[in-house]
Amino acid sequence: MGVIMLVAAGVLFTLALACAVLGIHGLALGRLPGMWLQRHVKQPRVWGAGALLLVVGAFWSATIAVIGIGLLAIGHVRTPAS
């Protein structure tokens, strides 16, 4: 039982770290790595902020996580204003 919990914690930590790195990359540079993310995310800075809020909210507050999920969705859907 302890080994399963340790493996699950390791997987969650790895996913949180990957999400944080992608969020910082999108927020700081204004673009995302990989062809798939660049094709599907229309506003990388908003998406990056949402990814960071999602990671922080996963460890801090559910409200912050929900706001992060909303920003992730807005980053995918909304086209930039010209």
N, C-alpha and C. Protein backbone atom coordinates (compact mmCIF):
# COMPACT_ATOMS: atom_id res chain seq x y z
N MET A 1 0.82 -1.20 0.00
CA MET A 1 0.00 0.00 0.00
C MET A 1 0.86 1.25 0.00
N GLY A 2 1.94 1.23 0.76
CA GLY A 2 2.82 2.39 0.83
C GLY A 2 3.54 2.65 -0.48
N VAL A 3 3.88 1.57 -1.20
CA VAL A 3 4.58 1.72 -2.47
C VAL A 3 3.66 2.35 -3.51
N ILE A 4 2.40 1.96 -3.50
CA ILE A 4 1.44 2.52 -4.45
C ILE A 4 1.25 4.02 -4.21
N MET A 5 1.17 4.41 -2.95
CA MET A 5 1.02 5.83 -2.62
C MET A 5 2.26 6.62 -3.02
N LEU A 6 3.43 6.02 -2.85
CA LEU A 6 4.67 6.68 -3.23
C LEU A 6 4.75 6.86 -4.74
N VAL A 7 4.37 5.85 -5.49
CA VAL A 7 4.37 5.94 -6.95
C VAL A 7 3.35 6.99 -7.42
N ALA A 8 2.17 6.99 -6.83
CA ALA A 8 1.14 7.97 -7.19
C ALA A 8 1.62 9.39 -6.89
N ALA A 9 2.27 9.60 -5.76
CA ALA A 9 2.78 10.92 -5.41
C ALA A 9 3.87 11.35 -6.40
N GLY A 10 4.70 10.41 -6.81
CA GLY A 10 5.74 10.72 -7.78
C GLY A 10 5.17 11.12 -9.13
N VAL A 11 4.14 10.41 -9.57
CA VAL A 11 3.50 10.73 -10.84
C VAL A 11 2.83 12.11 -10.78
N LEU A 12 2.12 12.39 -9.68
CA LEU A 12 1.47 13.69 -9.54
C LEU A 12 2.48 14.83 -9.48
N PHE A 13 3.59 14.59 -8.79
CA PHE A 13 4.63 15.62 -8.72
C PHE A 13 5.24 15.88 -10.09
N THR A 14 5.47 14.82 -10.86
CA THR A 14 6.02 14.96 -12.20
C THR A 14 5.07 15.72 -13.11
N LEU A 15 3.77 15.42 -13.05
CA LEU A 15 2.78 16.14 -13.86
C LEU A 15 2.69 17.61 -13.45
N ALA A 16 2.74 17.88 -12.14
CA ALA A 16 2.69 19.26 -11.67
C ALA A 16 3.92 20.03 -12.13
N LEU A 17 5.08 19.40 -12.09
CA LEU A 17 6.31 20.05 -12.53
C LEU A 17 6.27 20.35 -14.03
N ALA A 18 5.78 19.40 -14.82
CA ALA A 18 5.67 19.61 -16.27
C ALA A 18 4.68 20.73 -16.58
N CYS A 19 3.57 20.76 -15.87
CA CYS A 19 2.57 21.81 -16.09
C CYS A 19 3.14 23.18 -15.71
N ALA A 20 3.90 23.24 -14.63
CA ALA A 20 4.50 24.51 -14.20
C ALA A 20 5.53 24.99 -15.22
N VAL A 21 6.34 24.08 -15.74
CA VAL A 21 7.35 24.46 -16.73
C VAL A 21 6.68 24.98 -18.00
N LEU A 22 5.65 24.29 -18.47
CA LEU A 22 4.93 24.75 -19.66
C LEU A 22 4.25 26.10 -19.40
N GLY A 23 3.72 26.28 -18.20
CA GLY A 23 3.07 27.55 -17.86
C GLY A 23 4.05 28.71 -17.84
N ILE A 24 5.22 28.50 -17.25
CA ILE A 24 6.23 29.56 -17.21
C ILE A 24 6.72 29.86 -18.63
N HIS A 25 6.90 28.83 -19.43
CA HIS A 25 7.35 29.02 -20.81
C HIS A 25 6.33 29.83 -21.60
N GLY A 26 5.06 29.47 -21.48
CA GLY A 26 4.01 30.20 -22.20
C GLY A 26 3.84 31.62 -21.71
N LEU A 27 3.93 31.82 -20.41
CA LEU A 27 3.72 33.14 -19.84
C LEU A 27 4.90 34.07 -20.14
N ALA A 28 6.11 33.56 -20.06
CA ALA A 28 7.28 34.41 -20.24
C ALA A 28 7.58 34.68 -21.71
N LEU A 29 7.48 33.66 -22.56
CA LEU A 29 7.89 33.81 -23.95
C LEU A 29 6.74 34.11 -24.91
N GLY A 30 5.52 33.84 -24.50
CA GLY A 30 4.38 34.10 -25.38
C GLY A 30 4.19 33.04 -26.45
N ARG A 31 4.85 31.92 -26.32
CA ARG A 31 4.65 30.79 -27.24
C ARG A 31 4.89 29.51 -26.46
N LEU A 32 4.39 28.42 -26.99
CA LEU A 32 4.51 27.14 -26.31
C LEU A 32 5.35 26.17 -27.12
N PRO A 33 6.05 25.26 -26.46
CA PRO A 33 6.86 24.29 -27.20
C PRO A 33 5.98 23.22 -27.84
N GLY A 34 6.48 22.65 -28.90
CA GLY A 34 5.74 21.57 -29.56
C GLY A 34 4.76 22.08 -30.58
N MET A 35 4.62 21.34 -31.64
CA MET A 35 3.71 21.75 -32.72
C MET A 35 2.25 21.66 -32.30
N TRP A 36 1.90 20.64 -31.52
CA TRP A 36 0.50 20.45 -31.15
C TRP A 36 0.01 21.62 -30.30
N LEU A 37 0.79 22.00 -29.28
CA LEU A 37 0.38 23.11 -28.43
C LEU A 37 0.35 24.43 -29.21
N GLN A 38 1.31 24.65 -30.07
CA GLN A 38 1.32 25.88 -30.85
C GLN A 38 0.12 25.97 -31.78
N ARG A 39 -0.34 24.83 -32.29
CA ARG A 39 -1.49 24.82 -33.19
C ARG A 39 -2.80 25.03 -32.45
N HIS A 40 -2.91 24.50 -31.24
CA HIS A 40 -4.21 24.49 -30.57
C HIS A 40 -4.41 25.61 -29.55
N VAL A 41 -3.36 26.18 -29.03
CA VAL A 41 -3.50 27.25 -28.05
C VAL A 41 -3.41 28.58 -28.78
N LYS A 42 -4.47 29.39 -28.66
CA LYS A 42 -4.52 30.65 -29.39
C LYS A 42 -3.93 31.80 -28.59
N GLN A 43 -3.95 31.72 -27.28
CA GLN A 43 -3.35 32.76 -26.43
C GLN A 43 -2.42 32.08 -25.41
N PRO A 44 -1.15 31.94 -25.76
CA PRO A 44 -0.23 31.20 -24.89
C PRO A 44 0.01 31.86 -23.54
N ARG A 45 -0.04 33.18 -23.46
CA ARG A 45 0.20 33.83 -22.17
C ARG A 45 -0.95 33.55 -21.19
N VAL A 46 -2.17 33.60 -21.68
CA VAL A 46 -3.33 33.29 -20.83
C VAL A 46 -3.28 31.81 -20.44
N TRP A 47 -2.94 30.96 -21.39
CA TRP A 47 -2.84 29.53 -21.12
C TRP A 47 -1.75 29.26 -20.07
N GLY A 48 -0.62 29.96 -20.18
CA GLY A 48 0.47 29.78 -19.22
C GLY A 48 0.08 30.23 -17.83
N ALA A 49 -0.63 31.35 -17.73
CA ALA A 49 -1.10 31.80 -16.43
C ALA A 49 -2.08 30.80 -15.82
N GLY A 50 -2.94 30.24 -16.67
CA GLY A 50 -3.88 29.23 -16.18
C GLY A 50 -3.19 27.97 -15.71
N ALA A 51 -2.14 27.56 -16.43
CA ALA A 51 -1.40 26.36 -16.02
C ALA A 51 -0.72 26.58 -14.68
N LEU A 52 -0.14 27.76 -14.49
CA LEU A 52 0.50 28.04 -13.20
C LEU A 52 -0.52 28.10 -12.06
N LEU A 53 -1.66 28.73 -12.32
CA LEU A 53 -2.69 28.78 -11.28
C LEU A 53 -3.24 27.39 -10.97
N LEU A 54 -3.31 26.54 -11.97
CA LEU A 54 -3.77 25.18 -11.75
C LEU A 54 -2.81 24.41 -10.85
N VAL A 55 -1.53 24.57 -11.07
CA VAL A 55 -0.54 23.88 -10.23
C VAL A 55 -0.58 24.42 -8.81
N VAL A 56 -0.62 25.75 -8.68
CA VAL A 56 -0.68 26.33 -7.34
C VAL A 56 -1.97 25.93 -6.64
N GLY A 57 -3.07 25.95 -7.37
CA GLY A 57 -4.36 25.60 -6.77
C GLY A 57 -4.46 24.15 -6.37
N ALA A 58 -3.73 23.28 -7.06
CA ALA A 58 -3.77 21.86 -6.69
C ALA A 58 -3.19 21.64 -5.30
N PHE A 59 -2.24 22.48 -4.89
CA PHE A 59 -1.61 22.33 -3.58
C PHE A 59 -2.13 23.33 -2.56
N TRP A 60 -2.86 24.36 -3.00
CA TRP A 60 -3.23 25.43 -2.09
C TRP A 60 -4.74 25.53 -1.90
N SER A 61 -5.48 25.78 -2.98
CA SER A 61 -6.91 26.06 -2.87
C SER A 61 -7.64 25.60 -4.12
N ALA A 62 -8.80 25.01 -3.93
CA ALA A 62 -9.59 24.54 -5.06
C ALA A 62 -10.11 25.70 -5.90
N THR A 63 -10.36 26.84 -5.28
CA THR A 63 -10.85 28.00 -6.02
C THR A 63 -9.81 28.48 -7.03
N ILE A 64 -8.56 28.51 -6.61
CA ILE A 64 -7.49 28.92 -7.52
C ILE A 64 -7.36 27.92 -8.66
N ALA A 65 -7.52 26.63 -8.37
CA ALA A 65 -7.44 25.61 -9.41
C ALA A 65 -8.56 25.78 -10.44
N VAL A 66 -9.75 26.11 -9.99
CA VAL A 66 -10.88 26.32 -10.91
C VAL A 66 -10.64 27.54 -11.79
N ILE A 67 -10.09 28.60 -11.22
CA ILE A 67 -9.75 29.78 -12.02
C ILE A 67 -8.69 29.41 -13.06
N GLY A 68 -7.72 28.59 -12.67
CA GLY A 68 -6.70 28.14 -13.61
C GLY A 68 -7.27 27.32 -14.75
N ILE A 69 -8.23 26.46 -14.45
CA ILE A 69 -8.89 25.67 -15.50
C ILE A 69 -9.63 26.58 -16.46
N GLY A 70 -10.28 27.61 -15.92
CA GLY A 70 -10.98 28.57 -16.78
C GLY A 70 -10.03 29.32 -17.70
N LEU A 71 -8.87 29.72 -17.17
CA LEU A 71 -7.90 30.42 -18.00
C LEU A 71 -7.30 29.49 -19.06
N LEU A 72 -7.11 28.22 -18.72
CA LEU A 72 -6.64 27.26 -19.72
C LEU A 72 -7.65 27.17 -20.87
N ALA A 73 -8.93 27.10 -20.53
CA ALA A 73 -9.96 27.00 -21.57
C ALA A 73 -10.01 28.27 -22.41
N ILE A 74 -9.89 29.42 -21.77
CA ILE A 74 -9.91 30.68 -22.52
C ILE A 74 -8.70 30.76 -23.45
N GLY A 75 -7.54 30.29 -22.99
CA GLY A 75 -6.35 30.29 -23.83
C GLY A 75 -6.50 29.43 -25.06
N HIS A 76 -7.29 28.36 -24.95
CA HIS A 76 -7.52 27.48 -26.10
C HIS A 76 -8.53 28.08 -27.07
N VAL A 77 -9.56 28.74 -26.57
CA VAL A 77 -10.69 29.12 -27.38
C VAL A 77 -10.60 30.53 -27.95
N ARG A 78 -10.26 31.47 -27.13
CA ARG A 78 -10.36 32.88 -27.51
C ARG A 78 -9.22 33.29 -28.44
N THR A 79 -9.59 33.96 -29.51
CA THR A 79 -8.58 34.48 -30.43
C THR A 79 -8.11 35.84 -29.94
N PRO A 80 -6.85 36.17 -30.16
CA PRO A 80 -6.33 37.47 -29.69
C PRO A 80 -7.02 38.64 -30.38
N ALA A 81 -7.23 39.70 -29.61
CA ALA A 81 -7.83 40.91 -30.17
C ALA A 81 -6.80 41.66 -31.00
N SER A 82 -7.24 42.18 -32.13
CA SER A 82 -6.28 42.91 -32.97
C SER A 82 -6.40 44.39 -32.80
